[in-house]
Amino acid sequence: MENNTNSRDRILDAALKLFSEKGFNGTTVKEIAHDAEVSKALIYYNFESKEAILLEILDTFKEDFIKSFEKIYKKSDYSQYYGKWQSEEINDSLKFFNEKRRLWIVLILESLKSTTGKGNLIHIWDELNSRTRKKMLQDRGFTLQGDMTKDIVDLFFILIPAIFFSVFKDDWLTMNEGREEESANESFSYILNTIYATFLRQKE
């Protein structure tokens, strides 16, 4: 049996890359083993199945997602930015989205296949809101409660666009020569702040 303390991480990294490129169903354990430079036996020593690899990737991502946003939002003065987000916060959020590009691809693909699974995008977003984000929004003068319009805006006009912005931004910049990443981020940040202020602000 191979003995390598980094083998588990290599397996997860290889699986994430392949799942994002070929899809979960289109990826074999043999391919994961090849890319991770481990044996199939070592994969099954660490994970019961290919599905177990996917679940660990998504569970780890969920916790990383929640903790990262806690860190981003808790470091700012809520009273100073009541009714809006600080541009630095939105930029830090977009940086997280960009860094997790492959994970978003996998999460979207798996969510399209199953709307009820544990690793579903809506499930993860709902858990983020219930554990931390609703409180942060309320501290800023925003709310997600009592209005279906706000719930729709929060998911379909904030989260989904942010995901697709991170996934397709590089290709979009390449196609539109002369557009700079910093300017694109600033414009997108302005749009998000406008949506928050317009649709998620509590009624005075």
N, C-alpha and C. Protein backbone atom coordinates (compact mmCIF):
# COMPACT_ATOMS: atom_id res chain seq x y z
N MET A 1 0.84 -1.20 0.00
CA MET A 1 0.00 0.00 0.00
C MET A 1 0.88 1.25 0.00
N GLU A 2 0.56 2.16 -0.86
CA GLU A 2 1.33 3.39 -0.93
C GLU A 2 1.17 4.16 0.37
N ASN A 3 2.22 4.85 0.76
CA ASN A 3 2.19 5.63 1.99
C ASN A 3 2.65 7.04 1.68
N ASN A 4 1.70 7.97 1.65
CA ASN A 4 2.03 9.35 1.34
C ASN A 4 1.03 10.23 2.08
N THR A 5 1.55 11.07 2.97
CA THR A 5 0.66 11.91 3.79
C THR A 5 -0.16 12.88 2.96
N ASN A 6 0.30 13.18 1.75
CA ASN A 6 -0.41 14.12 0.90
C ASN A 6 -1.32 13.43 -0.12
N SER A 7 -1.39 12.11 -0.06
CA SER A 7 -2.15 11.39 -1.08
C SER A 7 -3.64 11.76 -1.08
N ARG A 8 -4.21 11.90 0.10
CA ARG A 8 -5.63 12.23 0.18
C ARG A 8 -5.92 13.58 -0.48
N ASP A 9 -5.08 14.57 -0.19
CA ASP A 9 -5.26 15.89 -0.81
C ASP A 9 -5.07 15.82 -2.32
N ARG A 10 -4.10 15.03 -2.76
CA ARG A 10 -3.87 14.89 -4.20
C ARG A 10 -5.08 14.26 -4.89
N ILE A 11 -5.68 13.29 -4.24
CA ILE A 11 -6.87 12.64 -4.79
C ILE A 11 -8.01 13.65 -4.92
N LEU A 12 -8.23 14.44 -3.87
CA LEU A 12 -9.30 15.43 -3.90
C LEU A 12 -9.04 16.50 -4.95
N ASP A 13 -7.80 16.95 -5.06
CA ASP A 13 -7.46 17.97 -6.05
C ASP A 13 -7.66 17.44 -7.47
N ALA A 14 -7.21 16.23 -7.71
CA ALA A 14 -7.35 15.62 -9.03
C ALA A 14 -8.82 15.41 -9.37
N ALA A 15 -9.59 14.95 -8.39
CA ALA A 15 -11.01 14.72 -8.62
C ALA A 15 -11.73 16.02 -8.94
N LEU A 16 -11.42 17.08 -8.19
CA LEU A 16 -12.05 18.38 -8.44
C LEU A 16 -11.76 18.87 -9.85
N LYS A 17 -10.52 18.75 -10.27
CA LYS A 17 -10.14 19.19 -11.62
C LYS A 17 -10.92 18.40 -12.67
N LEU A 18 -10.96 17.10 -12.53
CA LEU A 18 -11.63 16.26 -13.51
C LEU A 18 -13.15 16.45 -13.48
N PHE A 19 -13.73 16.56 -12.29
CA PHE A 19 -15.18 16.77 -12.19
C PHE A 19 -15.58 18.08 -12.86
N SER A 20 -14.75 19.12 -12.72
CA SER A 20 -15.08 20.42 -13.32
C SER A 20 -14.91 20.41 -14.83
N GLU A 21 -14.02 19.56 -15.34
CA GLU A 21 -13.75 19.50 -16.77
C GLU A 21 -14.64 18.49 -17.50
N LYS A 22 -14.88 17.35 -16.86
CA LYS A 22 -15.57 16.25 -17.53
C LYS A 22 -16.92 15.90 -16.91
N GLY A 23 -17.20 16.50 -15.76
CA GLY A 23 -18.41 16.14 -15.04
C GLY A 23 -18.17 14.94 -14.16
N PHE A 24 -19.02 14.76 -13.15
CA PHE A 24 -18.87 13.65 -12.23
C PHE A 24 -19.05 12.31 -12.94
N ASN A 25 -20.12 12.18 -13.72
CA ASN A 25 -20.39 10.91 -14.40
C ASN A 25 -19.35 10.59 -15.47
N GLY A 26 -18.76 11.64 -16.03
CA GLY A 26 -17.78 11.44 -17.10
C GLY A 26 -16.37 11.14 -16.60
N THR A 27 -16.19 11.15 -15.30
CA THR A 27 -14.87 10.91 -14.71
C THR A 27 -14.83 9.52 -14.07
N THR A 28 -13.76 8.81 -14.31
CA THR A 28 -13.60 7.48 -13.72
C THR A 28 -12.59 7.53 -12.57
N VAL A 29 -12.68 6.54 -11.69
CA VAL A 29 -11.72 6.44 -10.60
C VAL A 29 -10.31 6.21 -11.15
N LYS A 30 -10.22 5.49 -12.25
CA LYS A 30 -8.92 5.26 -12.89
C LYS A 30 -8.28 6.58 -13.31
N GLU A 31 -9.09 7.49 -13.86
CA GLU A 31 -8.57 8.80 -14.27
C GLU A 31 -8.13 9.62 -13.06
N ILE A 32 -8.89 9.56 -12.00
CA ILE A 32 -8.51 10.28 -10.78
C ILE A 32 -7.18 9.75 -10.25
N ALA A 33 -7.04 8.42 -10.24
CA ALA A 33 -5.80 7.81 -9.78
C ALA A 33 -4.62 8.25 -10.64
N HIS A 34 -4.84 8.29 -11.94
CA HIS A 34 -3.76 8.69 -12.86
C HIS A 34 -3.32 10.12 -12.59
N ASP A 35 -4.30 11.04 -12.49
CA ASP A 35 -3.96 12.45 -12.29
C ASP A 35 -3.37 12.70 -10.91
N ALA A 36 -3.81 11.93 -9.92
CA ALA A 36 -3.28 12.10 -8.56
C ALA A 36 -1.97 11.36 -8.34
N GLU A 37 -1.60 10.55 -9.33
CA GLU A 37 -0.38 9.74 -9.26
C GLU A 37 -0.42 8.80 -8.06
N VAL A 38 -1.57 8.14 -7.91
CA VAL A 38 -1.74 7.12 -6.87
C VAL A 38 -2.41 5.90 -7.51
N SER A 39 -2.49 4.84 -6.76
CA SER A 39 -3.15 3.64 -7.26
C SER A 39 -4.65 3.71 -6.97
N LYS A 40 -5.44 2.95 -7.72
CA LYS A 40 -6.87 2.86 -7.44
C LYS A 40 -7.10 2.29 -6.04
N ALA A 41 -6.23 1.36 -5.63
CA ALA A 41 -6.35 0.76 -4.31
C ALA A 41 -6.23 1.82 -3.21
N LEU A 42 -5.33 2.77 -3.43
CA LEU A 42 -5.16 3.83 -2.42
C LEU A 42 -6.39 4.73 -2.37
N ILE A 43 -7.01 4.98 -3.52
CA ILE A 43 -8.24 5.78 -3.53
C ILE A 43 -9.31 5.09 -2.71
N TYR A 44 -9.49 3.78 -2.93
CA TYR A 44 -10.53 3.05 -2.20
C TYR A 44 -10.15 2.82 -0.73
N TYR A 45 -8.88 2.97 -0.42
CA TYR A 45 -8.45 2.92 0.98
C TYR A 45 -8.89 4.18 1.71
N ASN A 46 -8.87 5.31 0.99
CA ASN A 46 -9.23 6.61 1.58
C ASN A 46 -10.71 6.93 1.45
N PHE A 47 -11.35 6.44 0.39
CA PHE A 47 -12.73 6.78 0.12
C PHE A 47 -13.51 5.52 -0.26
N GLU A 48 -14.74 5.41 0.21
CA GLU A 48 -15.55 4.25 -0.10
C GLU A 48 -15.94 4.18 -1.57
N SER A 49 -16.09 5.35 -2.20
CA SER A 49 -16.57 5.39 -3.57
C SER A 49 -16.24 6.74 -4.20
N LYS A 50 -16.52 6.85 -5.48
CA LYS A 50 -16.35 8.14 -6.17
C LYS A 50 -17.32 9.16 -5.59
N GLU A 51 -18.52 8.71 -5.21
CA GLU A 51 -19.50 9.60 -4.61
C GLU A 51 -18.99 10.18 -3.29
N ALA A 52 -18.25 9.37 -2.53
CA ALA A 52 -17.70 9.83 -1.26
C ALA A 52 -16.66 10.93 -1.48
N ILE A 53 -15.92 10.83 -2.58
CA ILE A 53 -14.96 11.89 -2.92
C ILE A 53 -15.70 13.19 -3.18
N LEU A 54 -16.77 13.10 -3.98
CA LEU A 54 -17.54 14.29 -4.31
C LEU A 54 -18.14 14.92 -3.05
N LEU A 55 -18.71 14.11 -2.18
CA LEU A 55 -19.34 14.63 -0.97
C LEU A 55 -18.32 15.33 -0.07
N GLU A 56 -17.11 14.76 0.02
CA GLU A 56 -16.09 15.42 0.84
C GLU A 56 -15.68 16.75 0.23
N ILE A 57 -15.55 16.80 -1.08
CA ILE A 57 -15.22 18.06 -1.75
C ILE A 57 -16.27 19.11 -1.44
N LEU A 58 -17.55 18.75 -1.57
CA LEU A 58 -18.63 19.71 -1.37
C LEU A 58 -18.81 20.09 0.10
N ASP A 59 -18.63 19.12 1.00
CA ASP A 59 -18.74 19.43 2.43
C ASP A 59 -17.64 20.38 2.87
N THR A 60 -16.42 20.12 2.39
CA THR A 60 -15.30 21.00 2.72
C THR A 60 -15.53 22.39 2.16
N PHE A 61 -16.03 22.45 0.93
CA PHE A 61 -16.30 23.74 0.31
C PHE A 61 -17.36 24.51 1.09
N LYS A 62 -18.42 23.83 1.53
CA LYS A 62 -19.49 24.50 2.27
C LYS A 62 -18.93 25.17 3.52
N GLU A 63 -18.11 24.45 4.29
CA GLU A 63 -17.55 25.02 5.50
C GLU A 63 -16.58 26.16 5.19
N ASP A 64 -15.80 26.00 4.13
CA ASP A 64 -14.88 27.05 3.71
C ASP A 64 -15.64 28.30 3.29
N PHE A 65 -16.73 28.10 2.56
CA PHE A 65 -17.60 29.18 2.10
C PHE A 65 -18.13 29.98 3.30
N ILE A 66 -18.69 29.29 4.27
CA ILE A 66 -19.28 29.95 5.43
C ILE A 66 -18.22 30.67 6.26
N LYS A 67 -17.11 30.01 6.54
CA LYS A 67 -16.06 30.61 7.36
C LYS A 67 -15.42 31.82 6.67
N SER A 68 -15.27 31.72 5.36
CA SER A 68 -14.66 32.82 4.62
C SER A 68 -15.53 34.06 4.67
N PHE A 69 -16.84 33.88 4.53
CA PHE A 69 -17.73 35.03 4.56
C PHE A 69 -17.88 35.59 5.97
N GLU A 70 -17.80 34.73 6.98
CA GLU A 70 -17.78 35.22 8.35
C GLU A 70 -16.57 36.14 8.56
N LYS A 71 -15.43 35.71 8.08
CA LYS A 71 -14.20 36.47 8.25
C LYS A 71 -14.27 37.79 7.49
N ILE A 72 -14.81 37.77 6.29
CA ILE A 72 -14.90 38.98 5.47
C ILE A 72 -15.81 40.02 6.11
N TYR A 73 -16.99 39.59 6.57
CA TYR A 73 -17.99 40.54 7.02
C TYR A 73 -17.82 40.97 8.48
N LYS A 74 -17.20 40.16 9.29
CA LYS A 74 -17.09 40.50 10.70
C LYS A 74 -15.99 41.51 10.99
N LYS A 75 -15.11 41.72 10.04
CA LYS A 75 -13.99 42.62 10.32
C LYS A 75 -14.33 44.09 10.08
N SER A 76 -15.54 44.38 9.58
CA SER A 76 -15.90 45.75 9.25
C SER A 76 -16.87 46.35 10.28
N ASP A 77 -16.91 47.66 10.28
CA ASP A 77 -17.79 48.40 11.18
C ASP A 77 -19.17 48.53 10.54
N TYR A 78 -20.15 47.80 11.06
CA TYR A 78 -21.49 47.79 10.48
C TYR A 78 -22.14 49.18 10.52
N SER A 79 -21.92 49.91 11.61
CA SER A 79 -22.57 51.21 11.72
C SER A 79 -22.07 52.19 10.67
N GLN A 80 -20.82 52.03 10.26
CA GLN A 80 -20.25 52.94 9.26
C GLN A 80 -20.79 52.67 7.86
N TYR A 81 -21.19 51.41 7.64
CA TYR A 81 -21.65 51.03 6.30
C TYR A 81 -23.10 50.54 6.32
N TYR A 82 -23.91 51.18 7.15
CA TYR A 82 -25.32 50.80 7.25
C TYR A 82 -26.01 51.00 5.90
N GLY A 83 -26.70 49.95 5.45
CA GLY A 83 -27.45 50.06 4.20
C GLY A 83 -26.63 49.80 2.95
N LYS A 84 -25.37 49.40 3.11
CA LYS A 84 -24.55 49.09 1.94
C LYS A 84 -23.38 48.23 2.39
N TRP A 85 -22.66 47.69 1.41
CA TRP A 85 -21.44 46.92 1.71
C TRP A 85 -20.23 47.77 1.37
N GLN A 86 -19.20 47.63 2.17
CA GLN A 86 -17.93 48.28 1.87
C GLN A 86 -17.35 47.66 0.61
N SER A 87 -16.79 48.47 -0.27
CA SER A 87 -16.26 47.95 -1.54
C SER A 87 -15.19 46.90 -1.30
N GLU A 88 -14.41 47.06 -0.25
CA GLU A 88 -13.37 46.08 0.07
C GLU A 88 -13.98 44.72 0.38
N GLU A 89 -15.14 44.74 1.05
CA GLU A 89 -15.81 43.48 1.38
C GLU A 89 -16.27 42.76 0.12
N ILE A 90 -16.87 43.52 -0.79
CA ILE A 90 -17.35 42.90 -2.03
C ILE A 90 -16.17 42.39 -2.84
N ASN A 91 -15.08 43.15 -2.88
CA ASN A 91 -13.89 42.69 -3.61
C ASN A 91 -13.32 41.41 -2.99
N ASP A 92 -13.30 41.34 -1.65
CA ASP A 92 -12.82 40.14 -0.99
C ASP A 92 -13.74 38.96 -1.31
N SER A 93 -15.05 39.23 -1.37
CA SER A 93 -16.02 38.18 -1.71
C SER A 93 -15.79 37.69 -3.12
N LEU A 94 -15.61 38.61 -4.06
CA LEU A 94 -15.37 38.24 -5.45
C LEU A 94 -14.06 37.47 -5.59
N LYS A 95 -13.07 37.83 -4.79
CA LYS A 95 -11.80 37.10 -4.82
C LYS A 95 -12.03 35.65 -4.41
N PHE A 96 -12.84 35.44 -3.37
CA PHE A 96 -13.16 34.09 -2.95
C PHE A 96 -13.88 33.34 -4.07
N PHE A 97 -14.86 33.99 -4.69
CA PHE A 97 -15.60 33.36 -5.79
C PHE A 97 -14.65 32.97 -6.92
N ASN A 98 -13.74 33.87 -7.27
CA ASN A 98 -12.80 33.60 -8.36
C ASN A 98 -11.87 32.44 -8.02
N GLU A 99 -11.40 32.39 -6.78
CA GLU A 99 -10.47 31.33 -6.38
C GLU A 99 -11.14 29.95 -6.37
N LYS A 100 -12.46 29.93 -6.22
CA LYS A 100 -13.20 28.67 -6.15
C LYS A 100 -13.90 28.35 -7.47
N ARG A 101 -13.36 28.82 -8.56
CA ARG A 101 -13.99 28.67 -9.87
C ARG A 101 -14.37 27.22 -10.18
N ARG A 102 -13.44 26.31 -9.98
CA ARG A 102 -13.71 24.89 -10.29
C ARG A 102 -14.82 24.33 -9.38
N LEU A 103 -14.81 24.74 -8.14
CA LEU A 103 -15.83 24.25 -7.22
C LEU A 103 -17.22 24.72 -7.61
N TRP A 104 -17.32 25.97 -8.05
CA TRP A 104 -18.62 26.48 -8.50
C TRP A 104 -19.12 25.68 -9.70
N ILE A 105 -18.22 25.36 -10.61
CA ILE A 105 -18.61 24.58 -11.79
C ILE A 105 -19.18 23.23 -11.36
N VAL A 106 -18.46 22.54 -10.47
CA VAL A 106 -18.92 21.24 -10.00
C VAL A 106 -20.25 21.37 -9.27
N LEU A 107 -20.37 22.38 -8.43
CA LEU A 107 -21.59 22.56 -7.65
C LEU A 107 -22.79 22.84 -8.54
N ILE A 108 -22.61 23.67 -9.56
CA ILE A 108 -23.70 23.95 -10.50
C ILE A 108 -24.09 22.69 -11.25
N LEU A 109 -23.09 21.95 -11.75
CA LEU A 109 -23.38 20.72 -12.50
C LEU A 109 -24.14 19.72 -11.64
N GLU A 110 -23.71 19.55 -10.40
CA GLU A 110 -24.38 18.58 -9.52
C GLU A 110 -25.76 19.06 -9.10
N SER A 111 -25.92 20.37 -8.94
CA SER A 111 -27.23 20.92 -8.57
C SER A 111 -28.24 20.74 -9.70
N LEU A 112 -27.78 20.82 -10.93
CA LEU A 112 -28.67 20.63 -12.08
C LEU A 112 -29.17 19.19 -12.14
N LYS A 113 -28.35 18.26 -11.64
CA LYS A 113 -28.76 16.85 -11.65
C LYS A 113 -29.68 16.51 -10.50
N SER A 114 -29.52 17.19 -9.37
CA SER A 114 -30.33 16.88 -8.19
C SER A 114 -30.67 18.16 -7.45
N THR A 115 -31.95 18.42 -7.30
CA THR A 115 -32.38 19.63 -6.58
C THR A 115 -32.61 19.37 -5.10
N THR A 116 -32.36 18.15 -4.64
CA THR A 116 -32.63 17.81 -3.25
C THR A 116 -31.41 17.29 -2.50
N GLY A 117 -30.28 17.13 -3.19
CA GLY A 117 -29.11 16.54 -2.55
C GLY A 117 -28.46 17.45 -1.53
N LYS A 118 -27.68 16.83 -0.64
CA LYS A 118 -26.99 17.56 0.42
C LYS A 118 -26.04 18.60 -0.13
N GLY A 119 -25.43 18.27 -1.26
CA GLY A 119 -24.46 19.19 -1.85
C GLY A 119 -25.06 20.16 -2.82
N ASN A 120 -26.36 20.29 -2.81
CA ASN A 120 -27.04 21.18 -3.73
C ASN A 120 -26.72 22.64 -3.42
N LEU A 121 -26.63 23.45 -4.47
CA LEU A 121 -26.30 24.87 -4.31
C LEU A 121 -27.27 25.58 -3.39
N ILE A 122 -28.57 25.35 -3.55
CA ILE A 122 -29.56 26.03 -2.74
C ILE A 122 -29.44 25.61 -1.28
N HIS A 123 -29.13 24.33 -1.05
CA HIS A 123 -28.94 23.83 0.32
C HIS A 123 -27.77 24.55 0.98
N ILE A 124 -26.66 24.69 0.28
CA ILE A 124 -25.48 25.34 0.84
C ILE A 124 -25.76 26.82 1.10
N TRP A 125 -26.44 27.48 0.16
CA TRP A 125 -26.77 28.90 0.32
C TRP A 125 -27.71 29.10 1.50
N ASP A 126 -28.68 28.20 1.66
CA ASP A 126 -29.62 28.30 2.77
C ASP A 126 -28.91 28.12 4.10
N GLU A 127 -27.95 27.20 4.15
CA GLU A 127 -27.22 26.98 5.39
C GLU A 127 -26.34 28.17 5.73
N LEU A 128 -25.72 28.77 4.72
CA LEU A 128 -24.93 29.98 4.95
C LEU A 128 -25.81 31.07 5.54
N ASN A 129 -27.01 31.26 4.97
CA ASN A 129 -27.91 32.30 5.46
C ASN A 129 -28.36 32.03 6.89
N SER A 130 -28.73 30.78 7.17
CA SER A 130 -29.26 30.46 8.49
C SER A 130 -28.18 30.52 9.57
N ARG A 131 -26.93 30.18 9.21
CA ARG A 131 -25.87 30.13 10.21
C ARG A 131 -25.23 31.49 10.47
N THR A 132 -25.10 32.30 9.43
CA THR A 132 -24.35 33.55 9.64
C THR A 132 -24.91 34.75 8.87
N ARG A 133 -25.31 34.56 7.64
CA ARG A 133 -25.48 35.69 6.75
C ARG A 133 -26.70 36.55 7.07
N LYS A 134 -27.81 35.93 7.51
CA LYS A 134 -29.00 36.73 7.83
C LYS A 134 -28.70 37.72 8.95
N LYS A 135 -27.96 37.28 9.96
CA LYS A 135 -27.59 38.17 11.05
C LYS A 135 -26.72 39.31 10.55
N MET A 136 -25.77 39.01 9.68
CA MET A 136 -24.90 40.05 9.13
C MET A 136 -25.70 41.05 8.32
N LEU A 137 -26.65 40.56 7.52
CA LEU A 137 -27.49 41.44 6.72
C LEU A 137 -28.32 42.35 7.62
N GLN A 138 -28.90 41.79 8.65
CA GLN A 138 -29.73 42.58 9.56
C GLN A 138 -28.92 43.66 10.26
N ASP A 139 -27.68 43.34 10.63
CA ASP A 139 -26.80 44.33 11.26
C ASP A 139 -26.51 45.49 10.32
N ARG A 140 -26.59 45.23 9.01
CA ARG A 140 -26.34 46.27 8.01
C ARG A 140 -27.61 47.01 7.58
N GLY A 141 -28.76 46.58 8.10
CA GLY A 141 -30.00 47.22 7.67
C GLY A 141 -30.65 46.54 6.49
N PHE A 142 -30.21 45.31 6.18
CA PHE A 142 -30.82 44.52 5.12
C PHE A 142 -31.63 43.40 5.77
N THR A 143 -32.51 42.80 5.00
CA THR A 143 -33.26 41.66 5.52
C THR A 143 -33.63 40.72 4.37
N LEU A 144 -33.78 39.43 4.72
CA LEU A 144 -34.26 38.44 3.75
C LEU A 144 -35.60 37.89 4.18
N GLN A 145 -36.15 38.41 5.26
CA GLN A 145 -37.33 37.80 5.84
C GLN A 145 -38.62 38.51 5.44
N GLY A 146 -39.67 37.69 5.23
CA GLY A 146 -41.01 38.22 5.06
C GLY A 146 -41.36 38.71 3.68
N ASP A 147 -40.50 38.51 2.71
CA ASP A 147 -40.78 39.02 1.37
C ASP A 147 -40.17 38.07 0.35
N MET A 148 -41.03 37.41 -0.44
CA MET A 148 -40.53 36.47 -1.43
C MET A 148 -39.63 37.16 -2.45
N THR A 149 -39.94 38.41 -2.77
CA THR A 149 -39.13 39.15 -3.74
C THR A 149 -37.68 39.22 -3.29
N LYS A 150 -37.46 39.46 -2.00
CA LYS A 150 -36.09 39.54 -1.48
C LYS A 150 -35.38 38.20 -1.56
N ASP A 151 -36.12 37.13 -1.27
CA ASP A 151 -35.52 35.80 -1.37
C ASP A 151 -35.10 35.49 -2.81
N ILE A 152 -35.96 35.86 -3.77
CA ILE A 152 -35.67 35.63 -5.18
C ILE A 152 -34.47 36.45 -5.62
N VAL A 153 -34.45 37.72 -5.22
CA VAL A 153 -33.33 38.60 -5.58
C VAL A 153 -32.03 38.05 -4.99
N ASP A 154 -32.08 37.62 -3.73
CA ASP A 154 -30.88 37.16 -3.04
C ASP A 154 -30.23 35.98 -3.75
N LEU A 155 -31.04 35.03 -4.19
CA LEU A 155 -30.49 33.84 -4.85
C LEU A 155 -30.23 34.05 -6.33
N PHE A 156 -31.24 34.55 -7.05
CA PHE A 156 -31.18 34.56 -8.51
C PHE A 156 -30.56 35.82 -9.11
N PHE A 157 -30.44 36.89 -8.31
CA PHE A 157 -29.86 38.12 -8.83
C PHE A 157 -28.59 38.53 -8.11
N ILE A 158 -28.19 37.77 -7.08
CA ILE A 158 -26.95 38.06 -6.38
C ILE A 158 -26.01 36.85 -6.41
N LEU A 159 -26.45 35.73 -5.84
CA LEU A 159 -25.55 34.56 -5.81
C LEU A 159 -25.27 34.02 -7.20
N ILE A 160 -26.31 33.71 -7.96
CA ILE A 160 -26.10 33.10 -9.28
C ILE A 160 -25.26 33.99 -10.20
N PRO A 161 -25.55 35.31 -10.32
CA PRO A 161 -24.67 36.15 -11.15
C PRO A 161 -23.23 36.18 -10.65
N ALA A 162 -23.04 36.19 -9.32
CA ALA A 162 -21.67 36.22 -8.78
C ALA A 162 -20.91 34.95 -9.17
N ILE A 163 -21.61 33.81 -9.13
CA ILE A 163 -20.98 32.55 -9.54
C ILE A 163 -20.57 32.60 -11.01
N PHE A 164 -21.50 33.00 -11.87
CA PHE A 164 -21.21 33.00 -13.30
C PHE A 164 -20.21 34.09 -13.68
N PHE A 165 -20.19 35.18 -12.94
CA PHE A 165 -19.18 36.21 -13.16
C PHE A 165 -17.80 35.63 -12.90
N SER A 166 -17.66 34.87 -11.82
CA SER A 166 -16.35 34.28 -11.49
C SER A 166 -15.96 33.20 -12.48
N VAL A 167 -16.93 32.43 -12.97
CA VAL A 167 -16.64 31.32 -13.88
C VAL A 167 -16.26 31.82 -15.27
N PHE A 168 -16.96 32.85 -15.75
CA PHE A 168 -16.79 33.28 -17.15
C PHE A 168 -16.03 34.59 -17.31
N LYS A 169 -15.63 35.21 -16.22
CA LYS A 169 -15.01 36.54 -16.32
C LYS A 169 -13.75 36.53 -17.18
N ASP A 170 -12.86 35.56 -16.97
CA ASP A 170 -11.60 35.54 -17.73
C ASP A 170 -11.86 35.40 -19.23
N ASP A 171 -12.78 34.52 -19.59
CA ASP A 171 -13.11 34.35 -21.01
C ASP A 171 -13.73 35.61 -21.57
N TRP A 172 -14.58 36.26 -20.78
CA TRP A 172 -15.24 37.49 -21.23
C TRP A 172 -14.22 38.60 -21.45
N LEU A 173 -13.24 38.71 -20.54
CA LEU A 173 -12.20 39.73 -20.69
C LEU A 173 -11.34 39.46 -21.92
N THR A 174 -11.07 38.19 -22.18
CA THR A 174 -10.29 37.82 -23.36
C THR A 174 -11.02 38.19 -24.64
N MET A 175 -12.31 37.96 -24.67
CA MET A 175 -13.11 38.28 -25.84
C MET A 175 -13.28 39.78 -26.03
N ASN A 176 -13.26 40.51 -24.93
CA ASN A 176 -13.43 41.97 -24.98
C ASN A 176 -12.11 42.64 -24.64
N GLU A 177 -11.22 42.66 -25.60
CA GLU A 177 -9.90 43.24 -25.38
C GLU A 177 -10.02 44.69 -24.98
N GLY A 178 -9.18 45.09 -24.04
CA GLY A 178 -9.22 46.46 -23.56
C GLY A 178 -9.97 46.59 -22.24
N ARG A 179 -10.79 45.57 -21.92
CA ARG A 179 -11.48 45.57 -20.62
C ARG A 179 -10.51 45.03 -19.57
N GLU A 180 -10.38 45.77 -18.48
CA GLU A 180 -9.45 45.37 -17.43
C GLU A 180 -10.20 44.69 -16.29
N GLU A 181 -9.54 43.72 -15.66
CA GLU A 181 -10.18 42.95 -14.59
C GLU A 181 -10.59 43.84 -13.43
N GLU A 182 -9.72 44.77 -13.06
CA GLU A 182 -10.04 45.65 -11.93
C GLU A 182 -11.30 46.47 -12.20
N SER A 183 -11.41 46.99 -13.42
CA SER A 183 -12.59 47.78 -13.78
C SER A 183 -13.85 46.91 -13.80
N ALA A 184 -13.69 45.67 -14.29
CA ALA A 184 -14.83 44.75 -14.31
C ALA A 184 -15.29 44.43 -12.90
N ASN A 185 -14.34 44.21 -12.00
CA ASN A 185 -14.69 43.93 -10.60
C ASN A 185 -15.38 45.12 -9.96
N GLU A 186 -14.88 46.33 -10.23
CA GLU A 186 -15.49 47.53 -9.67
C GLU A 186 -16.91 47.72 -10.17
N SER A 187 -17.12 47.48 -11.46
CA SER A 187 -18.47 47.62 -12.02
C SER A 187 -19.42 46.59 -11.43
N PHE A 188 -18.93 45.36 -11.30
CA PHE A 188 -19.78 44.32 -10.73
C PHE A 188 -20.08 44.61 -9.26
N SER A 189 -19.10 45.12 -8.52
CA SER A 189 -19.31 45.49 -7.13
C SER A 189 -20.38 46.57 -7.00
N TYR A 190 -20.32 47.55 -7.90
CA TYR A 190 -21.32 48.62 -7.89
C TYR A 190 -22.72 48.06 -8.14
N ILE A 191 -22.81 47.15 -9.08
CA ILE A 191 -24.11 46.53 -9.38
C ILE A 191 -24.65 45.79 -8.17
N LEU A 192 -23.80 45.00 -7.50
CA LEU A 192 -24.24 44.25 -6.32
C LEU A 192 -24.70 45.20 -5.21
N ASN A 193 -23.95 46.26 -4.98
CA ASN A 193 -24.32 47.21 -3.93
C ASN A 193 -25.65 47.87 -4.25
N THR A 194 -25.89 48.16 -5.52
CA THR A 194 -27.15 48.78 -5.93
C THR A 194 -28.31 47.83 -5.71
N ILE A 195 -28.11 46.56 -6.03
CA ILE A 195 -29.16 45.56 -5.82
C ILE A 195 -29.47 45.41 -4.34
N TYR A 196 -28.43 45.34 -3.52
CA TYR A 196 -28.65 45.24 -2.08
C TYR A 196 -29.45 46.43 -1.57
N ALA A 197 -29.01 47.62 -1.95
CA ALA A 197 -29.66 48.83 -1.44
C ALA A 197 -31.11 48.94 -1.92
N THR A 198 -31.38 48.47 -3.12
CA THR A 198 -32.71 48.61 -3.70
C THR A 198 -33.70 47.56 -3.21
N PHE A 199 -33.25 46.32 -3.13
CA PHE A 199 -34.18 45.22 -2.90
C PHE A 199 -34.09 44.58 -1.50
N LEU A 200 -32.93 44.68 -0.85
CA LEU A 200 -32.77 43.98 0.41
C LEU A 200 -32.77 44.91 1.63
N ARG A 201 -32.86 46.22 1.37
CA ARG A 201 -32.86 47.19 2.48
C ARG A 201 -34.19 47.09 3.23
N GLN A 202 -34.11 47.13 4.55
CA GLN A 202 -35.31 47.13 5.34
C GLN A 202 -36.11 48.42 5.09
N LYS A 203 -37.43 48.31 5.19
CA LYS A 203 -38.27 49.50 5.06
C LYS A 203 -38.11 50.35 6.32
N GLU A 204 -37.85 51.63 6.09
CA GLU A 204 -37.65 52.53 7.25
C GLU A 204 -39.01 52.85 7.88
